[in-house]
Structures are given as structure tokens and as C-alpha cells.
C-alpha atoms as a PDB file:
ATOM      1  CA  MET A   1      -0.132  -0.189  -0.132  1.00  0.00           C
ATOM      2  CA  GLU A   2       1.602   3.174  -1.060  1.00  0.00           C
ATOM      3  CA  GLN A   3       1.747   6.157   1.160  1.00  0.00           C
ATOM      4  CA  GLU A   4       0.060   9.198   0.575  1.00  0.00           C
ATOM      5  CA  PRO A   5       2.661  12.228   1.250  1.00  0.00           C
ATOM      6  CA  GLU A   6       2.453  14.139   3.744  1.00  0.00           C
ATOM      7  CA  LYS A   7      -0.067  17.292   3.375  1.00  0.00           C
ATOM      8  CA  LYS A   8       1.514  20.716   3.420  1.00  0.00           C
ATOM      9  CA  PRO A   9       0.320  23.342   5.879  1.00  0.00           C
ATOM     10  CA  GLU A  10      -1.875  25.905   4.901  1.00  0.00           C
ATOM     11  CA  PRO A  11      -0.865  29.168   5.284  1.00  0.00           C
ATOM     12  CA  ASP A  12      -2.816  30.013   7.962  1.00  0.00           C
ATOM     13  CA  GLU A  13      -1.661  26.960   9.746  1.00  0.00           C
ATOM     14  CA  ILE A  14       0.908  26.324  12.392  1.00  0.00           C
ATOM     15  CA  VAL A  15       3.140  24.032  13.059  1.00  0.00           C
ATOM     16  CA  LYS A  16       4.535  22.184  16.152  1.00  0.00           C
ATOM     17  CA  MET A  17       8.350  22.881  16.817  1.00  0.00           C
ATOM     18  CA  GLU A  18      10.760  21.838  19.481  1.00  0.00           C
ATOM     19  CA  ILE A  19      13.900  23.529  20.336  1.00  0.00           C
ATOM     20  CA  THR A  20      16.790  21.959  19.193  1.00  0.00           C
ATOM     21  CA  GLY A  21      19.240  23.953  20.570  1.00  0.00           C
ATOM     22  CA  ILE A  22      21.062  27.111  21.539  1.00  0.00           C
ATOM     23  CA  THR A  23      24.113  28.079  19.397  1.00  0.00           C
ATOM     24  CA  GLN A  24      26.007  31.206  18.263  1.00  0.00           C
ATOM     25  CA  ASP A  25      26.614  32.870  14.646  1.00  0.00           C
ATOM     26  CA  PRO A  26      30.062  32.856  14.029  1.00  0.00           C
ATOM     27  CA  SER A  27      30.315  35.967  12.442  1.00  0.00           C
ATOM     28  CA  ASN A  28      29.066  38.000  15.265  1.00  0.00           C
ATOM     29  CA  ASN A  29      28.854  35.731  18.255  1.00  0.00           C
ATOM     30  CA  MET A  30      25.372  36.564  18.802  1.00  0.00           C
ATOM     31  CA  PRO A  31      23.261  33.502  19.849  1.00  0.00           C
ATOM     32  CA  ILE A  32      20.557  31.627  17.639  1.00  0.00           C
ATOM     33  CA  LEU A  33      17.767  29.930  19.106  1.00  0.00           C
ATOM     34  CA  ILE A  34      17.041  26.564  16.697  1.00  0.00           C
ATOM     35  CA  LEU A  35      13.650  25.519  16.518  1.00  0.00           C
ATOM     36  CA  LYS A  36      12.481  22.374  14.415  1.00  0.00           C
ATOM     37  CA  SER A  37       9.604  20.751  12.868  1.00  0.00           C
ATOM     38  CA  GLU A  38       8.399  17.525  15.262  1.00  0.00           C
ATOM     39  CA  LYS A  39       7.434  16.075  12.021  1.00  0.00           C
ATOM     40  CA  ASP A  40      10.217  16.715   9.414  1.00  0.00           C
ATOM     41  CA  ASP A  41      13.580  18.427   9.463  1.00  0.00           C
ATOM     42  CA  THR A  42      11.959  21.998   8.347  1.00  0.00           C
ATOM     43  CA  ALA A  43      13.695  24.380  11.013  1.00  0.00           C
ATOM     44  CA  ILE A  44      14.220  28.104  11.676  1.00  0.00           C
ATOM     45  CA  PRO A  45      16.985  29.927  13.441  1.00  0.00           C
ATOM     46  CA  ILE A  46      15.788  32.734  15.608  1.00  0.00           C
ATOM     47  CA  TRP A  47      18.956  35.362  15.958  1.00  0.00           C
ATOM     48  CA  ILE A  48      18.544  36.374  19.866  1.00  0.00           C
ATOM     49  CA  GLY A  49      20.263  38.780  22.915  1.00  0.00           C
ATOM     50  CA  LEU A  50      22.304  37.005  25.193  1.00  0.00           C
ATOM     51  CA  ILE A  51      19.845  37.784  27.794  1.00  0.00           C
ATOM     52  CA  GLU A  52      17.101  36.112  26.319  1.00  0.00           C
ATOM     53  CA  ALA A  53      19.460  32.981  25.410  1.00  0.00           C
ATOM     54  CA  SER A  54      20.900  33.115  29.092  1.00  0.00           C
ATOM     55  CA  ALA A  55      17.127  32.742  29.873  1.00  0.00           C
ATOM     56  CA  ILE A  56      16.263  30.187  27.689  1.00  0.00           C
ATOM     57  CA  ALA A  57      19.533  28.091  28.419  1.00  0.00           C
ATOM     58  CA  VAL A  58      18.997  28.194  32.191  1.00  0.00           C
ATOM     59  CA  GLU A  59      15.650  26.173  31.512  1.00  0.00           C
ATOM     60  CA  LEU A  60      16.825  24.013  29.265  1.00  0.00           C
ATOM     61  CA  GLU A  61      19.836  22.963  31.792  1.00  0.00           C
ATOM     62  CA  GLY A  62      17.522  22.894  34.534  1.00  0.00           C
ATOM     63  CA  LEU A  63      19.414  25.167  36.602  1.00  0.00           C
ATOM     64  CA  GLN A  64      18.227  26.605  39.840  1.00  0.00           C
ATOM     65  CA  LEU A  65      18.563  30.336  40.504  1.00  0.00           C
ATOM     66  CA  PRO A  66      18.396  32.040  44.189  1.00  0.00           C
ATOM     67  CA  ARG A  67      16.016  34.205  42.553  1.00  0.00           C
ATOM     68  CA  PRO A  68      13.538  34.346  39.860  1.00  0.00           C
ATOM     69  CA  MET A  69      13.945  35.491  36.634  1.00  0.00           C
ATOM     70  CA  THR A  70      11.422  37.561  34.946  1.00  0.00           C
ATOM     71  CA  HIS A  71       9.804  34.564  33.279  1.00  0.00           C
ATOM     72  CA  ASP A  72       9.652  32.737  35.971  1.00  0.00           C
ATOM     73  CA  LEU A  73       7.629  35.987  37.212  1.00  0.00           C
ATOM     74  CA  LEU A  74       5.441  35.898  34.514  1.00  0.00           C
ATOM     75  CA  LYS A  75       4.723  32.251  35.037  1.00  0.00           C
ATOM     76  CA  SER A  76       3.925  32.954  38.768  1.00  0.00           C
ATOM     77  CA  MET A  77       1.712  35.975  38.144  1.00  0.00           C
ATOM     78  CA  LEU A  78      -0.238  33.555  35.234  1.00  0.00           C
ATOM     79  CA  GLU A  79      -0.751  30.815  37.796  1.00  0.00           C
ATOM     80  CA  LYS A  80      -1.768  33.463  40.836  1.00  0.00           C
ATOM     81  CA  LEU A  81      -4.267  34.876  38.179  1.00  0.00           C
ATOM     82  CA  GLY A  82      -5.777  32.096  37.181  1.00  0.00           C
ATOM     83  CA  GLY A  83      -4.079  31.646  33.798  1.00  0.00           C
ATOM     84  CA  LYS A  84      -2.476  29.365  31.665  1.00  0.00           C
ATOM     85  CA  LEU A  85      -0.550  29.618  28.425  1.00  0.00           C
ATOM     86  CA  GLN A  86      -1.701  27.164  26.187  1.00  0.00           C
ATOM     87  CA  ARG A  87       0.800  27.735  23.300  1.00  0.00           C
ATOM     88  CA  ILE A  88       2.861  30.238  21.366  1.00  0.00           C
ATOM     89  CA  GLU A  89       3.022  30.981  17.854  1.00  0.00           C
ATOM     90  CA  VAL A  90       5.720  32.538  16.069  1.00  0.00           C
ATOM     91  CA  CYS A  91       2.951  34.377  13.694  1.00  0.00           C
ATOM     92  CA  ASP A  92       5.045  36.618  11.651  1.00  0.00           C
ATOM     93  CA  LEU A  93       8.208  37.886  10.164  1.00  0.00           C
ATOM     94  CA  LYS A  94       8.910  41.635   8.899  1.00  0.00           C
ATOM     95  CA  GLU A  95      12.140  42.995   7.701  1.00  0.00           C
ATOM     96  CA  ASN A  96      14.055  40.119   9.321  1.00  0.00           C
ATOM     97  CA  THR A  97      12.276  39.983  12.533  1.00  0.00           C
ATOM     98  CA  TYR A  98       9.964  37.347  13.876  1.00  0.00           C
ATOM     99  CA  TYR A  99       7.222  38.108  15.892  1.00  0.00           C
ATOM    100  CA  ALA A 100       5.381  35.796  18.541  1.00  0.00           C
ATOM    101  CA  THR A 101       2.237  35.343  20.284  1.00  0.00           C
ATOM    102  CA  LEU A 102       1.361  34.070  23.787  1.00  0.00           C
ATOM    103  CA  ILE A 103      -2.368  32.262  23.631  1.00  0.00           C
ATOM    104  CA  ILE A 104      -3.289  32.138  27.547  1.00  0.00           C
ATOM    105  CA  LYS A 105      -6.902  30.669  28.666  1.00  0.00           C
ATOM    106  CA  THR A 106      -8.383  32.641  31.601  1.00  0.00           C
ATOM    107  CA  ALA A 107     -11.235  31.374  33.335  1.00  0.00           C
ATOM    108  CA  ASP A 108     -13.782  33.134  30.741  1.00  0.00           C
ATOM    109  CA  SER A 109     -11.690  33.445  27.645  1.00  0.00           C
ATOM    110  CA  GLU A 110      -8.725  33.043  25.429  1.00  0.00           C
ATOM    111  CA  VAL A 111      -6.438  36.499  25.563  1.00  0.00           C
ATOM    112  CA  GLN A 112      -3.272  36.652  22.784  1.00  0.00           C
ATOM    113  CA  ILE A 113      -0.799  39.090  23.703  1.00  0.00           C
ATOM    114  CA  ASP A 114       2.147  39.985  21.823  1.00  0.00           C
ATOM    115  CA  ALA A 115       5.719  38.874  22.577  1.00  0.00           C
ATOM    116  CA  ARG A 116       9.098  38.486  21.393  1.00  0.00           C
ATOM    117  CA  PRO A 117      10.100  35.116  20.408  1.00  0.00           C
ATOM    118  CA  SER A 118      12.593  34.638  22.905  1.00  0.00           C
ATOM    119  CA  ASP A 119      10.278  35.827  25.579  1.00  0.00           C
ATOM    120  CA  ALA A 120       7.674  33.858  24.597  1.00  0.00           C
ATOM    121  CA  ILE A 121       9.946  30.450  24.679  1.00  0.00           C
ATOM    122  CA  ALA A 122      11.403  31.402  27.514  1.00  0.00           C
ATOM    123  CA  LEU A 123       8.253  31.508  29.286  1.00  0.00           C
ATOM    124  CA  ALA A 124       6.664  28.152  26.833  1.00  0.00           C
ATOM    125  CA  LEU A 125       9.500  26.399  28.438  1.00  0.00           C
ATOM    126  CA  ARG A 126       8.841  27.165  32.058  1.00  0.00           C
ATOM    127  CA  THR A 127       5.149  26.845  31.525  1.00  0.00           C
ATOM    128  CA  GLY A 128       5.408  23.386  29.654  1.00  0.00           C
ATOM    129  CA  ALA A 129       3.442  25.075  26.886  1.00  0.00           C
ATOM    130  CA  ASP A 130       3.756  23.850  23.421  1.00  0.00           C
ATOM    131  CA  ILE A 131       6.030  26.030  20.377  1.00  0.00           C
ATOM    132  CA  TYR A 132       4.131  26.711  17.231  1.00  0.00           C
ATOM    133  CA  VAL A 133       5.454  28.660  14.179  1.00  0.00           C
ATOM    134  CA  ALA A 134       3.141  29.844  11.398  1.00  0.00           C
ATOM    135  CA  ALA A 135       3.135  27.720   8.161  1.00  0.00           C
ATOM    136  CA  LYS A 136       3.585  31.296   6.585  1.00  0.00           C
ATOM    137  CA  VAL A 137       6.478  32.173   8.776  1.00  0.00           C
ATOM    138  CA  LEU A 138       8.065  28.795   7.593  1.00  0.00           C
ATOM    139  CA  LYS A 139       7.781  29.782   4.139  1.00  0.00           C
ATOM    140  CA  MET A 140       8.857  33.448   4.769  1.00  0.00           C
ATOM    141  CA  SER A 141      11.922  32.088   6.289  1.00  0.00           C
ATOM    142  CA  GLN A 142      12.335  29.563   2.753  1.00  0.00           C
ATOM    143  CA  GLN A 143      11.629  26.522   5.305  1.00  0.00           C
ATOM    144  CA  VAL A 144      15.307  25.933   6.194  1.00  0.00           C
ATOM    145  CA  ASP A 145      16.680  22.875   6.076  1.00  0.00           C
ATOM    146  CA  ILE A 146      18.062  21.212   9.038  1.00  0.00           C
ATOM    147  CA  SER A 147      20.792  19.650   7.134  1.00  0.00           C
ATOM    148  CA  ALA A 148      21.771  23.592   6.140  1.00  0.00           C
ATOM    149  CA  LEU A 149      22.206  24.320   9.571  1.00  0.00           C
ATOM    150  CA  GLN A 150      24.944  21.524  10.404  1.00  0.00           C
ATOM    151  CA  ASP A 151      27.743  24.251  10.554  1.00  0.00           C
ATOM    152  CA  ALA A 152      25.548  26.073  12.845  1.00  0.00           C
ATOM    153  CA  ILE A 153      24.850  23.709  15.176  1.00  0.00           C
ATOM    154  CA  LYS A 154      26.546  20.684  16.776  1.00  0.00           C
ATOM    155  CA  ASP A 155      24.838  17.060  15.980  1.00  0.00           C
ATOM    156  CA  ASN A 156      23.123  16.142  19.310  1.00  0.00           C
ATOM    157  CA  SER A 157      23.682  12.582  18.187  1.00  0.00           C
ATOM    158  CA  ASP A 158      27.324  13.030  19.013  1.00  0.00           C
ATOM    159  CA  PRO A 159      27.818  13.218  22.891  1.00  0.00           C
ATOM    160  CA  GLU A 160      31.270  14.948  22.714  1.00  0.00           C
ATOM    161  CA  ALA A 161      30.078  17.823  20.997  1.00  0.00           C
ATOM    162  CA  ALA A 162      26.698  18.167  22.967  1.00  0.00           C
ATOM    163  CA  LYS A 163      29.043  18.264  26.302  1.00  0.00           C
ATOM    164  CA  LYS A 164      31.439  21.221  24.949  1.00  0.00           C
ATOM    165  CA  GLU A 165      28.088  23.003  23.744  1.00  0.00           C
ATOM    166  CA  LYS A 166      26.515  22.812  26.652  1.00  0.00           C
ATOM    167  CA  ASP A 167      29.880  23.480  28.633  1.00  0.00           C
ATOM    168  CA  LYS A 168      30.420  26.708  26.647  1.00  0.00           C
ATOM    169  CA  TRP A 169      26.731  27.769  27.366  1.00  0.00           C
ATOM    170  CA  SER A 170      27.525  27.318  30.975  1.00  0.00           C
ATOM    171  CA  GLU A 171      30.864  28.906  30.919  1.00  0.00           C
ATOM    172  CA  ILE A 172      28.978  31.719  29.731  1.00  0.00           C
ATOM    173  CA  LEU A 173      25.813  31.600  32.288  1.00  0.00           C
ATOM    174  CA  GLU A 174      28.395  31.383  35.077  1.00  0.00           C
ATOM    175  CA  ASN A 175      30.711  34.726  34.030  1.00  0.00           C
ATOM    176  CA  LEU A 176      27.678  36.840  33.653  1.00  0.00           C
ATOM    177  CA  ASN A 177      28.014  39.945  35.043  1.00  0.00           C
ATOM    178  CA  PRO A 178      25.276  42.842  36.129  1.00  0.00           C
ATOM    179  CA  GLU A 179      27.258  45.143  33.748  1.00  0.00           C
ATOM    180  CA  ASP A 180      26.865  42.591  30.724  1.00  0.00           C
ATOM    181  CA  PHE A 181      22.997  43.548  30.557  1.00  0.00           C
ATOM    182  CA  GLY A 182      23.579  47.283  29.969  1.00  0.00           C
ATOM    183  CA  LYS A 183      23.340  50.367  32.031  1.00  0.00           C
ATOM    184  CA  TYR A 184      20.093  52.297  32.196  1.00  0.00           C
ATOM    185  CA  LYS A 185      19.644  56.270  33.164  1.00  0.00           C
ATOM    186  CA  MET A 186      16.888  57.011  34.958  1.00  0.00           C
END
């Protein structure tokens, strides 16, 4: 019996994704978050800031910090106010900038809140919410095949490479100073 080809998503559909990892852009040392489809090798790279990468890496590594980070605070607020993060959606791509939406279920409604993808993903990791990307965004990002990203990310099946990548991010997190977060005038 011949298998039918997998149906391509419609432009308004969303595709469930998972975090493959965080790596660094070799040209500018900026962190890149890699999201990959759960069904195939479609992946998208999202360039994020060091602070956002740290917030995601802390959760991916299961590190316990002495005080809550902003995303931990948001999770607590949602819980205390009776809301639940249902899912996040990377919903648009404009001028090389990704946009995301938090879909929050409350007692009497569903609320959608605009967010940066890195913040939305950090919150999704903390709440166990699913991560989705709109099919139109995948198409606009030219449906990067994960094999095209092999130079930018380590093969997770290679334990030595995965350990080196983990050690690199652990070192970055351990060496963060307050000055790394910028100075703001009040």
C-alpha cells in the first residue's frame, strides 16, 4: 500500500516545533535559537540577545537560580491570576524580525498577547506550553532544512559535541556580570 505524501500546511496553519538548541553565529557571536518541526527536518534559526539566550539556557539546563528571573515571575503571575499559557505561536516575520503571540487561557476567555519569540519561548519552557510556528513564517524563512544548519549547530547525536556545547553555555552563564546587561539611565 502506497503512502500518501504528507500534506503541506495551509498558510494560516501552525506547525508544532521543538527547540533543537542554542548556538552562536560565528560571524558576530550572537546567539541563535534553532526551532525544528516535530514532523520533518524543517527548521528556523532565530537570532536572539545574550540575555534572552541565558534565560532559555537556564531552563534548558534545569539550573535553579536563587531568585526568580523575569520569565519565572511571569509564570507565577499567570498561575496566581488563574491563567494558563496554552501555547505560543511565532506568527510573523517582517524585515528579518520574528513576532510571536502568547495564547493564554483564563477562566472566561482566551487572550492573545504580543511578545518577542525569545521571551515567549522562555515562558513556554517554564510552563510546559507548546511552541508553534505559522506555516507562512516557515515559508517566508524559506523553510530552512536542518541539514543547512549543520555548520551552525552541533549534532546532538554526538555526545562529545553536545557536552562541549553545553559546557560553553554553562561557562557563559556562570561568567555573566550585571554589567553585561547594559546600563540604563533613570
